[in-house]
């Protein structure tokens, strides 16, 4: 959005990117035939030659209020004057999986859009309207939305963009948010249509994205424990990787080749009983499942594989993970030591896998609607000076509140890691070789919280002790005291902070035991423009215990000079841990 708006009259425009076939009815390669009245609408639901249906550039349908539709908006050639309202529920990240009631990916952003139904000439939406003999404005031919819903039967996952700006702005200058259509209701008694949309990561929810996919193959004949090759029926080569790992029953095995055979496909170079499983005899018709193996993989590669390669997210959405981009740099700087090792021997929801990774390795991931990118940030301290806001200059009066979250307190963190058998339960303590415990037993005494609060983490992705120790230490430091959540609103001029950003806040309602204001460090977990382009509501979580990050300086760097210090530089102090001017030195944690 431009820094200086053209006007102060906020407007909203909704764009539906309707999938459209690039062919012309009856013109090669389309082989459909018929009269002008029976032609399709270039949508998949109305296609009469599905073998040659070919998606082209989607049709952009713009909607806004009647007043906006009467104006000329650069970038929106034709605006339907039927938008009634747009309401949103923002993304809220689940920091390190602390809220066990929330999903691993946090709460998805939801957008509810209401349209007024109306008669329409079918201009724009019907490529063959001029040749039809019937009048689309006739009431016995339905309405705009009643026809659109039928013509676009396969509408789940259609992209929907919401633009928010000011009167006089070009479409390209407005704030743009991208959603995925999930449902649309037919006309209600008030003559309105309701469309539900969610952010892009909804495509990874359990019903929509599981990996590995269920493999179709079954054993053609009995297989004995010593066999190193066998045939699989009900499958073709494309159903399995050229090399890889298989699961039959409770046994895992690797193979080096697969090829078409008389009875289906044949696997060769099979090494039996891998990954702590036992070689067994298997009966004909037993299922043969393709597995996915991650072996000491970087977190970046693992996430790209799960989200993009297997989850089907557009590569453009993963642009923040490209070398040099913020999410990639975050992983390089703060999780370069972490590796993911696991065999997925049965289907898992991708959202579940991402949630486990984020909890076990201490990061969080979300969809940034305005940038239209998947973003990531690690649980860590700050490495640049945070801004400071206060109630006099920034926070709207009467909107600040704080709330304890006692269910997230943790006096002990138990991390189990080094999974023994990838065919056994991921949540059984007996299926892990190692464990690391971080505990603050003093916090459990009667003088303090009076009880233990134990958080167990089953490190299905973890094989390194350094990761287990790092995760447990971060959690015990952050959650040994009951975490605090804040909420407040600011004017749009102060609303540039995004999810994951840190800032200090001074407010008269947040004081210490002496009544002095505490300047508390917060991290943003949710941002919502409750009044488009005017008011922003923040949900934040206390980040006071995150600490500050220093970087080890290169050998030969200049000695400490209080008048010339880079914020990230970590200087060695004296025996008392202070620098020449009395400043506390950096410490290795």
Protein backbone atom coordinates (compact mmCIF):
# COMPACT_ATOMS: atom_id res chain seq x y z
CA UNK A 1 0.00 0.00 0.00
CA UNK A 2 1.28 3.51 -0.72
CA UNK A 3 2.67 5.47 2.19
CA UNK A 4 0.50 8.50 1.46
CA UNK A 5 -3.07 7.47 0.56
CA UNK A 6 -4.87 9.40 -2.16
CA UNK A 7 -7.94 9.85 0.03
CA UNK A 8 -9.13 8.82 3.45
CA UNK A 9 -12.23 6.96 2.30
CA UNK A 10 -11.41 3.25 2.86
CA UNK A 11 -12.64 0.81 0.23
CA UNK A 12 -12.56 -2.97 -0.21
CA UNK A 13 -12.50 -4.94 -3.45
CA UNK A 14 -12.73 -8.72 -3.73
CA UNK A 15 -11.21 -10.58 -6.67
CA UNK A 16 -12.19 -14.18 -7.45
CA UNK A 17 -9.71 -15.90 -9.78
CA UNK A 18 -12.07 -18.27 -11.56
CA UNK A 19 -10.30 -21.19 -13.33
CA UNK A 20 -10.91 -21.01 -17.06
CA UNK A 21 -10.19 -23.29 -20.01
CA UNK A 22 -7.94 -21.72 -22.62
CA UNK A 23 -9.67 -23.48 -25.52
CA UNK A 24 -12.50 -22.16 -27.68
CA UNK A 25 -15.63 -24.30 -27.90
CA UNK A 26 -15.55 -26.45 -31.04
CA UNK A 27 -12.16 -25.14 -32.21
CA UNK A 28 -9.26 -27.60 -32.22
CA UNK A 29 -8.08 -29.01 -29.90
CA UNK A 30 -11.61 -28.81 -28.43
CA UNK A 31 -13.79 -31.44 -30.18
CA UNK A 32 -17.12 -30.48 -28.55
CA UNK A 33 -20.07 -29.87 -30.84
CA UNK A 34 -23.46 -28.28 -30.33
CA UNK A 35 -25.61 -25.23 -30.87
CA UNK A 36 -24.86 -21.76 -29.54
CA UNK A 37 -27.30 -22.39 -26.68
CA UNK A 38 -25.53 -25.58 -25.59
CA UNK A 39 -21.97 -24.29 -25.56
CA UNK A 40 -19.96 -24.60 -22.36
CA UNK A 41 -18.82 -21.71 -20.15
CA UNK A 42 -15.13 -22.67 -20.36
CA UNK A 43 -15.29 -24.10 -16.83
CA UNK A 44 -14.48 -27.69 -15.90
CA UNK A 45 -18.01 -28.36 -14.64
CA UNK A 46 -19.54 -27.38 -18.00
CA UNK A 47 -16.82 -28.88 -20.22
CA UNK A 48 -18.04 -31.17 -23.03
CA UNK A 49 -14.58 -32.38 -24.05
CA UNK A 50 -12.88 -33.15 -20.75
CA UNK A 51 -9.99 -34.98 -22.43
CA UNK A 52 -8.81 -31.69 -23.93
CA UNK A 53 -9.73 -29.37 -21.07
CA UNK A 54 -6.71 -27.09 -20.50
CA UNK A 55 -6.42 -24.51 -17.73
CA UNK A 56 -5.35 -21.11 -18.96
CA UNK A 57 -5.20 -17.70 -17.34
CA UNK A 58 -7.92 -17.47 -14.69
CA UNK A 59 -10.81 -15.07 -15.13
CA UNK A 60 -10.60 -12.18 -12.66
CA UNK A 61 -14.01 -11.24 -11.27
CA UNK A 62 -14.00 -8.07 -9.16
CA UNK A 63 -16.67 -7.21 -6.57
CA UNK A 64 -17.22 -4.17 -4.40
CA UNK A 65 -19.98 -1.88 -3.16
CA UNK A 66 -22.13 -0.04 -5.67
CA UNK A 67 -20.41 3.24 -4.89
CA UNK A 68 -16.96 1.82 -5.66
CA UNK A 69 -18.24 0.06 -8.78
CA UNK A 70 -19.35 3.41 -10.17
CA UNK A 71 -15.80 4.73 -9.85
CA UNK A 72 -12.94 3.93 -12.16
CA UNK A 73 -10.42 1.75 -10.31
CA UNK A 74 -7.21 1.24 -12.25
CA UNK A 75 -6.53 -2.50 -12.53
CA UNK A 76 -10.16 -3.58 -12.18
CA UNK A 77 -11.82 -3.21 -15.55
CA UNK A 78 -15.30 -4.35 -14.48
CA UNK A 79 -16.60 -4.38 -10.90
CA UNK A 80 -19.75 -6.19 -9.85
CA UNK A 81 -21.60 -3.89 -7.40
CA UNK A 82 -22.67 -6.71 -5.08
CA UNK A 83 -20.16 -6.89 -2.21
CA UNK A 84 -21.92 -6.63 1.15
CA UNK A 85 -19.15 -7.26 3.69
CA UNK A 86 -15.74 -8.79 4.34
CA UNK A 87 -14.86 -10.07 7.80
CA UNK A 88 -11.65 -11.80 8.83
CA UNK A 89 -10.26 -13.83 11.69
CA UNK A 90 -6.47 -13.53 11.56
CA UNK A 91 -3.68 -16.08 11.68
CA UNK A 92 -2.52 -16.77 15.23
CA UNK A 93 0.75 -18.64 15.56
CA UNK A 94 1.24 -21.31 18.20
CA UNK A 95 4.68 -20.48 19.59
CA UNK A 96 6.66 -23.70 19.88
CA UNK A 97 3.45 -25.71 20.13
CA UNK A 98 2.89 -24.41 23.68
CA UNK A 99 -0.89 -24.44 23.30
CA UNK A 100 -1.69 -28.14 23.12
CA UNK A 101 -5.33 -27.34 22.26
CA UNK A 102 -4.28 -25.54 19.08
CA UNK A 103 -3.03 -27.14 15.89
CA UNK A 104 0.69 -27.30 15.19
CA UNK A 105 0.36 -24.66 12.49
CA UNK A 106 -1.66 -22.44 14.81
CA UNK A 107 -5.05 -21.02 13.88
CA UNK A 108 -5.63 -20.47 10.20
CA UNK A 109 -6.72 -17.05 8.96
CA UNK A 110 -10.39 -17.14 7.94
CA UNK A 111 -12.18 -14.71 5.65
CA UNK A 112 -15.97 -14.56 5.35
CA UNK A 113 -17.35 -12.63 2.38
CA UNK A 114 -21.01 -11.80 1.78
CA UNK A 115 -22.42 -10.86 -1.60
CA UNK A 116 -25.86 -9.64 -2.64
CA UNK A 117 -27.38 -11.80 -5.37
CA UNK A 118 -28.81 -10.10 -8.45
CA UNK A 119 -29.78 -10.51 -12.07
CA UNK A 120 -26.93 -10.17 -14.54
CA UNK A 121 -26.40 -10.03 -18.29
CA UNK A 122 -23.66 -12.74 -18.19
CA UNK A 123 -21.19 -10.28 -19.68
CA UNK A 124 -17.62 -11.15 -18.62
CA UNK A 125 -18.56 -14.59 -17.23
CA UNK A 126 -19.99 -16.14 -20.44
CA UNK A 127 -17.55 -16.12 -23.38
CA UNK A 128 -20.37 -17.07 -25.79
CA UNK A 129 -23.17 -14.86 -24.47
CA UNK A 130 -23.68 -13.06 -27.80
CA UNK A 131 -24.69 -16.25 -29.58
CA UNK A 132 -27.26 -17.53 -27.09
CA UNK A 133 -30.95 -17.14 -27.85
CA UNK A 134 -32.16 -16.78 -24.25
CA UNK A 135 -32.04 -13.66 -22.10
CA UNK A 136 -29.84 -14.07 -18.99
CA UNK A 137 -31.64 -11.14 -17.36
CA UNK A 138 -34.89 -13.08 -17.37
CA UNK A 139 -35.87 -14.16 -13.84
CA UNK A 140 -36.78 -17.62 -15.07
CA UNK A 141 -33.09 -18.06 -15.97
CA UNK A 142 -31.84 -17.69 -12.41
CA UNK A 143 -29.50 -15.08 -10.95
CA UNK A 144 -25.80 -14.29 -11.17
CA UNK A 145 -24.76 -16.43 -8.19
CA UNK A 146 -27.18 -19.30 -8.80
CA UNK A 147 -25.68 -19.74 -12.28
CA UNK A 148 -22.09 -19.15 -11.17
CA UNK A 149 -22.27 -21.81 -8.45
CA UNK A 150 -23.52 -24.45 -10.91
CA UNK A 151 -21.03 -23.50 -13.62
CA UNK A 152 -18.15 -23.62 -11.13
CA UNK A 153 -18.91 -26.86 -9.33
CA UNK A 154 -15.21 -27.54 -8.72
CA UNK A 155 -14.59 -24.33 -6.82
CA UNK A 156 -12.76 -25.55 -3.72
CA UNK A 157 -9.26 -24.05 -3.67
CA UNK A 158 -10.13 -21.20 -6.02
CA UNK A 159 -7.94 -18.23 -5.11
CA UNK A 160 -9.66 -15.17 -3.63
CA UNK A 161 -7.91 -11.84 -3.12
CA UNK A 162 -9.11 -9.08 -0.82
CA UNK A 163 -7.87 -5.56 -1.58
CA UNK A 164 -8.01 -2.82 1.02
CA UNK A 165 -7.15 0.73 0.13
CA UNK A 166 -8.53 4.19 -0.35
CA UNK A 167 -10.76 5.81 -2.91
CA UNK A 168 -8.65 6.95 -5.86
CA UNK A 169 -5.92 4.34 -5.45
CA UNK A 170 -4.97 1.91 -8.18
CA UNK A 171 -5.59 -1.74 -7.37
CA UNK A 172 -1.84 -2.43 -7.40
CA UNK A 173 -1.28 0.17 -4.67
CA UNK A 174 -3.74 -1.39 -2.23
CA UNK A 175 -2.96 -3.93 0.47
CA UNK A 176 -3.66 -7.38 -0.98
CA UNK A 177 -4.51 -10.53 0.99
CA UNK A 178 -4.70 -13.97 -0.60
CA UNK A 179 -7.09 -16.71 0.55
CA UNK A 180 -8.37 -20.05 -0.72
CA UNK A 181 -12.10 -20.58 -1.17
CA UNK A 182 -13.37 -23.44 1.01
CA UNK A 183 -17.16 -23.18 0.67
CA UNK A 184 -20.01 -21.07 -0.66
CA UNK A 185 -23.65 -21.12 0.41
CA UNK A 186 -26.60 -20.65 -1.86
CA UNK A 187 -28.89 -17.66 -1.54
CA UNK A 188 -30.52 -17.14 1.85
CA UNK A 189 -33.85 -15.43 2.59
CA UNK A 190 -32.11 -12.04 2.59
CA UNK A 191 -30.82 -12.65 -0.92
CA UNK A 192 -27.19 -12.99 0.16
CA UNK A 193 -24.45 -15.45 -0.70
CA UNK A 194 -21.78 -16.29 1.90
CA UNK A 195 -18.31 -17.40 0.86
CA UNK A 196 -15.86 -18.91 3.35
CA UNK A 197 -12.14 -18.71 2.64
CA UNK A 198 -9.00 -19.68 4.55
CA UNK A 199 -5.33 -18.93 4.15
CA UNK A 200 -3.15 -21.01 1.84
CA UNK A 201 -1.89 -23.36 4.58
CA UNK A 202 -5.39 -24.79 4.90
CA UNK A 203 -4.41 -26.94 1.90
CA UNK A 204 -2.17 -28.89 4.28
CA UNK A 205 -4.88 -29.87 6.76
CA UNK A 206 -5.45 -33.53 7.48
CA UNK A 207 -8.23 -34.22 4.98
CA UNK A 208 -6.36 -32.60 2.13
CA UNK A 209 -2.69 -33.46 2.40
CA UNK A 210 -1.18 -36.66 3.79
CA UNK A 211 2.22 -38.19 3.13
CA UNK A 212 3.20 -40.70 2.07
CA UNK A 213 0.15 -41.47 -0.04
CA UNK A 214 -1.33 -44.93 0.47
CA UNK A 215 0.44 -47.26 -1.97
CA UNK A 216 -1.79 -49.48 -4.14
CA UNK A 217 0.51 -52.50 -4.46
CA UNK A 218 0.08 -55.89 -2.76
CA UNK A 219 2.39 -58.89 -2.70
CA UNK A 220 1.79 -61.16 -5.69
CA UNK A 221 2.92 -64.22 -3.77
CA UNK A 222 4.27 -65.22 -0.36
CA UNK A 223 7.59 -63.64 0.61
CA UNK A 224 10.00 -65.29 3.02
CA UNK A 225 12.37 -63.62 5.48
CA UNK A 226 15.46 -64.33 3.37
CA UNK A 227 14.07 -63.13 0.01
CA UNK A 228 15.83 -60.16 -1.59
CA UNK A 229 13.43 -59.67 -4.48
CA UNK A 230 9.66 -60.06 -4.94
CA UNK A 231 6.76 -59.11 -7.20
CA UNK A 232 3.98 -56.66 -6.36
CA UNK A 233 0.60 -56.78 -8.09
CA UNK A 234 -2.01 -54.06 -8.57
CA UNK A 235 0.68 -51.43 -9.24
CA UNK A 236 2.83 -49.85 -11.93
CA UNK A 237 6.35 -48.43 -11.75
CA UNK A 238 5.07 -44.87 -11.27
CA UNK A 239 3.43 -45.90 -7.98
CA UNK A 240 6.84 -46.34 -6.33
CA UNK A 241 10.17 -44.49 -6.30
CA UNK A 242 13.03 -45.90 -8.37
CA UNK A 243 14.89 -46.63 -5.11
CA UNK A 244 13.76 -46.24 -1.55
CA UNK A 245 12.18 -47.81 1.51
CA UNK A 246 9.15 -50.10 1.79
CA UNK A 247 7.00 -51.23 4.67
CA UNK A 248 5.31 -54.63 4.71
CA UNK A 249 3.57 -55.42 7.96
CA UNK A 250 5.94 -54.30 10.73
CA UNK A 251 9.09 -54.71 8.65
CA UNK A 252 11.00 -51.95 6.86
CA UNK A 253 13.29 -52.72 3.95
CA UNK A 254 15.23 -50.78 1.33
CA UNK A 255 15.53 -51.57 -2.38
CA UNK A 256 17.78 -50.46 -5.22
CA UNK A 257 15.59 -51.25 -8.22
CA UNK A 258 12.04 -51.72 -9.43
CA UNK A 259 10.85 -52.66 -12.92
CA UNK A 260 7.74 -53.87 -14.72
CA UNK A 261 7.31 -57.63 -14.47
CA UNK A 262 4.87 -60.32 -15.64
CA UNK A 263 2.62 -59.91 -12.61
CA UNK A 264 3.03 -56.19 -11.93
CA UNK A 265 6.37 -54.81 -10.80
CA UNK A 266 9.43 -56.45 -9.28
CA UNK A 267 11.59 -54.99 -6.50
CA UNK A 268 15.26 -55.99 -6.53
CA UNK A 269 18.31 -55.35 -4.39
CA UNK A 270 16.12 -55.59 -1.30
CA UNK A 271 17.84 -55.27 2.07
CA UNK A 272 15.58 -56.71 4.71
CA UNK A 273 14.94 -55.70 8.34
CA UNK A 274 16.26 -52.14 8.26
CA UNK A 275 15.74 -49.48 10.95
CA UNK A 276 15.61 -51.89 13.90
CA UNK A 277 12.80 -53.98 12.42
CA UNK A 278 12.79 -57.79 12.09
CA UNK A 279 12.75 -59.81 8.86
CA UNK A 280 9.48 -61.73 8.63
CA UNK A 281 7.55 -63.97 6.27
CA UNK A 282 4.71 -62.12 4.52
CA UNK A 283 1.63 -63.58 2.89
CA UNK A 284 0.36 -62.85 -0.61
CA UNK A 285 -1.93 -59.78 -0.82
CA UNK A 286 -0.12 -58.01 2.05
CA UNK A 287 0.07 -54.26 1.43
CA UNK A 288 3.38 -52.82 0.22
CA UNK A 289 3.72 -49.22 1.39
CA UNK A 290 6.19 -46.71 -0.06
CA UNK A 291 7.94 -44.83 2.78
CA UNK A 292 9.57 -41.41 2.91
CA UNK A 293 13.02 -41.18 4.45
CA UNK A 294 14.68 -38.06 5.83
CA UNK A 295 18.30 -38.76 6.71
CA UNK A 296 20.13 -35.92 8.45
CA UNK A 297 18.23 -33.41 6.30
CA UNK A 298 18.43 -29.66 6.86
CA UNK A 299 15.28 -28.07 8.25
CA UNK A 300 14.95 -25.90 5.16
CA UNK A 301 15.09 -28.89 2.81
CA UNK A 302 12.63 -30.82 4.97
CA UNK A 303 10.09 -27.99 5.03
CA UNK A 304 10.35 -27.35 1.30
CA UNK A 305 9.86 -31.07 0.63
CA UNK A 306 6.81 -31.30 2.90
CA UNK A 307 5.15 -28.03 1.95
CA UNK A 308 6.03 -27.66 -1.72
CA UNK A 309 7.07 -31.01 -3.21
CA UNK A 310 4.59 -33.20 -1.35
CA UNK A 311 2.06 -30.66 -0.07
CA UNK A 312 1.61 -29.04 -3.46
CA UNK A 313 2.08 -25.42 -2.37
CA UNK A 314 3.02 -23.17 -5.25
CA UNK A 315 6.80 -22.67 -5.36
CA UNK A 316 6.19 -18.91 -5.38
CA UNK A 317 4.68 -19.19 -1.89
CA UNK A 318 7.99 -20.65 -0.63
CA UNK A 319 10.06 -17.74 -1.93
CA UNK A 320 11.02 -16.66 1.58
CA UNK A 321 12.99 -19.91 1.90
CA UNK A 322 15.26 -19.07 -1.04
CA UNK A 323 18.90 -18.42 -0.23
CA UNK A 324 19.37 -14.99 1.31
CA UNK A 325 15.66 -14.46 2.07
CA UNK A 326 14.49 -13.87 5.69
CA UNK A 327 13.17 -17.36 6.52
CA UNK A 328 16.20 -19.04 4.95
CA UNK A 329 18.54 -16.71 6.85
CA UNK A 330 16.65 -17.39 10.07
CA UNK A 331 17.36 -21.11 9.69
CA UNK A 332 20.99 -20.53 8.70
CA UNK A 333 21.65 -18.22 11.65
CA UNK A 334 19.73 -20.02 14.39
CA UNK A 335 19.05 -23.63 13.39
CA UNK A 336 22.00 -24.49 11.16
CA UNK A 337 23.03 -27.23 13.60
CA UNK A 338 19.64 -28.96 13.50
CA UNK A 339 18.96 -31.94 11.27
CA UNK A 340 15.81 -33.97 10.68
CA UNK A 341 15.93 -37.76 10.64
CA UNK A 342 12.82 -39.89 10.29
CA UNK A 343 11.12 -42.58 8.24
CA UNK A 344 7.44 -41.97 7.49
CA UNK A 345 6.15 -45.52 7.13
CA UNK A 346 2.43 -44.68 7.03
CA UNK A 347 0.37 -41.64 5.97
CA UNK A 348 0.59 -38.55 8.20
CA UNK A 349 -1.16 -35.20 7.81
CA UNK A 350 1.42 -32.67 6.61
CA UNK A 351 0.05 -30.12 9.06
CA UNK A 352 0.70 -32.60 11.87
CA UNK A 353 4.27 -33.21 10.71
CA UNK A 354 5.01 -29.48 10.48
CA UNK A 355 3.55 -29.00 13.95
CA UNK A 356 5.81 -31.71 15.37
CA UNK A 357 8.86 -30.22 13.70
CA UNK A 358 8.08 -26.74 15.01
CA UNK A 359 7.66 -27.97 18.58
CA UNK A 360 10.68 -30.26 18.58
CA UNK A 361 13.04 -27.77 16.92
CA UNK A 362 11.51 -24.56 18.34
CA UNK A 363 10.29 -22.48 15.43
CA UNK A 364 6.93 -21.35 14.15
CA UNK A 365 5.58 -21.04 10.65
CA UNK A 366 2.70 -19.07 9.20
CA UNK A 367 1.13 -17.68 6.04
CA UNK A 368 1.73 -13.96 5.50
CA UNK A 369 -1.39 -12.86 3.63
CA UNK A 370 -0.16 -9.51 2.35
CA UNK A 371 3.25 -10.75 1.18
CA UNK A 372 1.67 -14.03 0.02
CA UNK A 373 4.55 -16.04 1.42
CA UNK A 374 5.08 -18.84 3.92
CA UNK A 375 7.22 -17.37 6.70
CA UNK A 376 9.28 -18.89 9.51
CA UNK A 377 10.91 -17.62 12.67
CA UNK A 378 12.81 -19.47 15.38
CA UNK A 379 12.16 -19.18 19.11
CA UNK A 380 15.06 -16.97 20.11
CA UNK A 381 16.18 -13.74 21.69
CA UNK A 382 16.59 -10.46 19.85
CA UNK A 383 19.66 -9.49 17.81
CA UNK A 384 18.69 -5.89 17.02
CA UNK A 385 17.29 -3.16 19.30
CA UNK A 386 13.49 -3.53 19.55
CA UNK A 387 11.29 -0.46 19.25
CA UNK A 388 9.35 0.85 22.22
CA UNK A 389 5.65 1.76 22.26
CA UNK A 390 3.60 3.28 25.08
CA UNK A 391 0.04 4.07 26.08
CA UNK A 392 0.41 7.83 25.61
CA UNK A 393 1.57 7.85 21.98
CA UNK A 394 0.56 4.51 20.48
CA UNK A 395 -2.00 2.30 22.25
CA UNK A 396 -5.64 3.28 21.80
CA UNK A 397 -7.14 4.08 25.19
CA UNK A 398 -9.18 1.33 26.81
CA UNK A 399 -8.00 -1.46 24.50
CA UNK A 400 -5.07 -2.91 26.48
CA UNK A 401 -5.58 -6.17 28.40
CA UNK A 402 -3.44 -9.02 29.74
CA UNK A 403 -4.32 -12.64 30.47
CA UNK A 404 -2.45 -15.46 32.20
CA UNK A 405 -2.19 -18.80 30.38
CA UNK A 406 -1.64 -21.27 33.25
CA UNK A 407 -2.11 -24.38 31.09
CA UNK A 408 1.09 -23.53 29.24
CA UNK A 409 3.31 -23.30 32.34
CA UNK A 410 6.03 -25.97 32.46
CA UNK A 411 8.15 -26.77 35.51
CA UNK A 412 9.61 -29.87 33.83
CA UNK A 413 10.24 -30.62 30.17
CA UNK A 414 10.89 -34.21 29.15
CA UNK A 415 12.23 -34.71 25.63
CA UNK A 416 12.34 -38.26 24.30
CA UNK A 417 14.48 -38.69 21.20
CA UNK A 418 16.19 -41.29 19.04
CA UNK A 419 13.14 -43.25 17.86
CA UNK A 420 13.87 -46.98 17.83
CA UNK A 421 11.29 -48.31 15.41
CA UNK A 422 9.45 -46.26 12.81
CA UNK A 423 6.62 -48.79 12.60
CA UNK A 424 5.78 -48.48 16.31
CA UNK A 425 3.91 -45.68 18.07
CA UNK A 426 5.48 -42.22 17.89
CA UNK A 427 4.04 -41.39 21.32
CA UNK A 428 5.28 -44.36 23.33
CA UNK A 429 8.16 -43.61 25.71
CA UNK A 430 9.39 -47.16 25.17
CA UNK A 431 9.99 -46.43 21.49
CA UNK A 432 12.76 -43.92 22.20
CA UNK A 433 16.40 -44.63 22.99
CA UNK A 434 17.18 -41.42 24.87
CA UNK A 435 15.60 -38.73 26.97
CA UNK A 436 16.61 -35.34 28.32
CA UNK A 437 14.93 -33.64 31.27
CA UNK A 438 15.07 -29.95 32.12
CA UNK A 439 13.42 -29.10 35.43
CA UNK A 440 12.91 -26.19 37.80
CA UNK A 441 11.88 -28.07 40.94
CA UNK A 442 11.86 -24.94 43.07
CA UNK A 443 8.92 -23.61 41.05
CA UNK A 444 6.90 -26.64 42.20
CA UNK A 445 7.26 -25.90 45.92
CA UNK A 446 4.35 -24.70 48.05
CA UNK A 447 5.92 -21.24 48.30
CA UNK A 448 5.73 -20.86 44.51
CA UNK A 449 3.27 -22.69 42.20
CA UNK A 450 2.63 -25.63 44.52
CA UNK A 451 2.58 -28.37 41.88
CA UNK A 452 4.48 -29.84 38.97
CA UNK A 453 3.54 -29.06 35.38
CA UNK A 454 5.21 -31.59 33.09
CA UNK A 455 5.47 -31.18 29.36
CA UNK A 456 6.45 -34.27 27.36
CA UNK A 457 7.85 -33.98 23.85
CA UNK A 458 8.16 -37.07 21.71
CA UNK A 459 11.09 -36.17 19.46
CA UNK A 460 10.17 -38.23 16.43
CA UNK A 461 12.43 -36.03 14.28
CA UNK A 462 15.31 -35.73 16.77
CA UNK A 463 18.44 -37.85 16.93
CA UNK A 464 20.91 -35.25 18.22
CA UNK A 465 21.30 -34.63 21.96
CA UNK A 466 22.15 -30.98 21.31
CA UNK A 467 18.68 -30.43 19.80
CA UNK A 468 16.91 -32.18 22.66
CA UNK A 469 18.85 -30.13 25.22
CA UNK A 470 18.30 -26.87 23.33
CA UNK A 471 14.55 -27.47 23.03
CA UNK A 472 14.11 -28.43 26.67
CA UNK A 473 16.18 -25.48 27.88
CA UNK A 474 14.26 -22.95 25.78
CA UNK A 475 10.92 -24.24 26.99
CA UNK A 476 11.83 -24.38 30.66
CA UNK A 477 13.26 -20.85 30.52
CA UNK A 478 10.21 -19.41 28.80
CA UNK A 479 7.42 -21.31 30.53
CA UNK A 480 8.65 -21.92 34.09
CA UNK A 481 6.49 -18.91 35.01
CA UNK A 482 2.90 -18.69 33.81
CA UNK A 483 3.06 -17.06 30.35
CA UNK A 484 1.17 -13.86 29.75
CA UNK A 485 -0.77 -12.86 26.64
CA UNK A 486 -1.60 -9.26 25.82
CA UNK A 487 -4.05 -7.62 23.45
CA UNK A 488 -4.39 -3.99 22.35
CA UNK A 489 -5.22 -1.79 19.39
CA UNK A 490 -3.28 0.93 17.60
CA UNK A 491 -3.86 3.36 14.77
CA UNK A 492 -2.72 2.11 11.37
CA UNK A 493 0.28 4.47 11.57
CA UNK A 494 1.63 2.28 14.39
CA UNK A 495 0.52 -0.99 12.83
CA UNK A 496 3.56 -2.01 10.82
CA UNK A 497 4.62 -4.78 13.23
CA UNK A 498 4.01 -8.24 11.79
CA UNK A 499 3.84 -11.75 13.24
CA UNK A 500 7.11 -12.62 14.95
CA UNK A 501 8.21 -9.01 15.48
CA UNK A 502 9.46 -7.96 18.91
CA UNK A 503 8.94 -4.63 20.66
CA UNK A 504 8.89 -3.13 24.14
CA UNK A 505 5.64 -1.76 25.52
CA UNK A 506 5.20 0.59 28.45
CA UNK A 507 1.63 0.76 29.79
CA UNK A 508 0.22 2.07 33.05
CA UNK A 509 -1.63 -1.22 33.62
CA UNK A 510 1.60 -3.26 33.45
CA UNK A 511 3.61 -2.54 36.61
CA UNK A 512 5.98 -4.29 39.01
CA UNK A 513 5.38 -4.95 42.71
CA UNK A 514 6.35 -1.37 43.54
CA UNK A 515 3.86 0.10 41.11
CA UNK A 516 6.60 1.13 38.69
CA UNK A 517 5.89 0.64 35.01
CA UNK A 518 7.66 -2.35 33.59
CA UNK A 519 8.86 -2.02 30.02
CA UNK A 520 7.99 -5.51 28.86
CA UNK A 521 9.23 -7.24 25.72
CA UNK A 522 6.44 -8.75 23.60
CA UNK A 523 6.34 -10.82 20.41
CA UNK A 524 3.43 -10.57 17.95
CA UNK A 525 1.39 -13.75 17.57
CA UNK A 526 -1.55 -12.24 15.67
CA UNK A 527 -2.25 -9.07 13.71
CA UNK A 528 -5.67 -8.02 12.45
CA UNK A 529 -6.92 -4.85 10.81
CA UNK A 530 -10.22 -4.69 12.70
CA UNK A 531 -11.07 -1.56 10.72
CA UNK A 532 -9.47 -1.80 7.30
CA UNK A 533 -6.66 0.74 6.84
CA UNK A 534 -7.53 2.39 10.16
CA UNK A 535 -7.25 0.23 13.30
CA UNK A 536 -4.92 -2.72 13.97
CA UNK A 537 -5.45 -5.19 16.83
CA UNK A 538 -2.43 -7.07 18.14
CA UNK A 539 -2.27 -10.25 20.17
CA UNK A 540 1.16 -10.56 21.78
CA UNK A 541 2.99 -12.93 24.10
CA UNK A 542 5.49 -12.02 26.80
CA UNK A 543 8.99 -12.51 25.40
CA UNK A 544 10.92 -11.18 28.41
CA UNK A 545 12.77 -14.45 28.95
CA UNK A 546 13.92 -14.78 25.34
CA UNK A 547 17.04 -12.76 26.13
CA UNK A 548 19.43 -11.04 23.80
CA UNK A 549 21.61 -12.75 21.20
CA UNK A 550 25.28 -11.94 20.70
CA UNK A 551 27.44 -13.23 17.88
CA UNK A 552 30.95 -14.52 18.46
CA UNK A 553 33.36 -12.00 16.98
CA UNK A 554 36.07 -12.85 14.49
CA UNK A 555 39.58 -13.41 15.76
CA UNK A 556 41.56 -10.17 15.74
CA UNK A 557 38.53 -7.89 16.22
CA UNK A 558 39.11 -4.61 18.04
CA UNK A 559 38.74 -4.45 21.81
CA UNK A 560 35.54 -3.21 23.39
CA UNK A 561 34.87 0.49 22.84
CA UNK A 562 31.62 1.70 24.47
CA UNK A 563 31.38 4.47 21.86
CA UNK A 564 31.60 2.12 18.89
CA UNK A 565 29.75 -1.14 19.48
CA UNK A 566 27.77 -3.17 16.98
CA UNK A 567 24.58 -4.40 18.64
CA UNK A 568 25.26 -8.08 17.88
CA UNK A 569 28.91 -8.10 18.93
CA UNK A 570 29.71 -10.25 21.96
CA UNK A 571 32.74 -9.06 23.95
CA UNK A 572 34.56 -11.07 26.64
CA UNK A 573 34.32 -9.47 30.07
CA UNK A 574 36.54 -9.64 33.13
CA UNK A 575 36.37 -12.29 35.84
CA UNK A 576 33.20 -10.66 37.19
CA UNK A 577 31.50 -10.82 33.78
CA UNK A 578 31.48 -7.08 33.07
CA UNK A 579 33.13 -4.85 30.48
CA UNK A 580 35.34 -1.80 31.04
CA UNK A 581 32.37 0.56 31.49
CA UNK A 582 30.50 -1.79 33.80
CA UNK A 583 28.22 -3.19 31.09
CA UNK A 584 27.39 -6.89 31.47
CA UNK A 585 29.42 -8.96 29.02
CA UNK A 586 27.98 -11.51 26.63
CA UNK A 587 27.82 -15.08 27.90
CA UNK A 588 27.87 -18.40 26.09
CA UNK A 589 24.62 -20.21 26.86
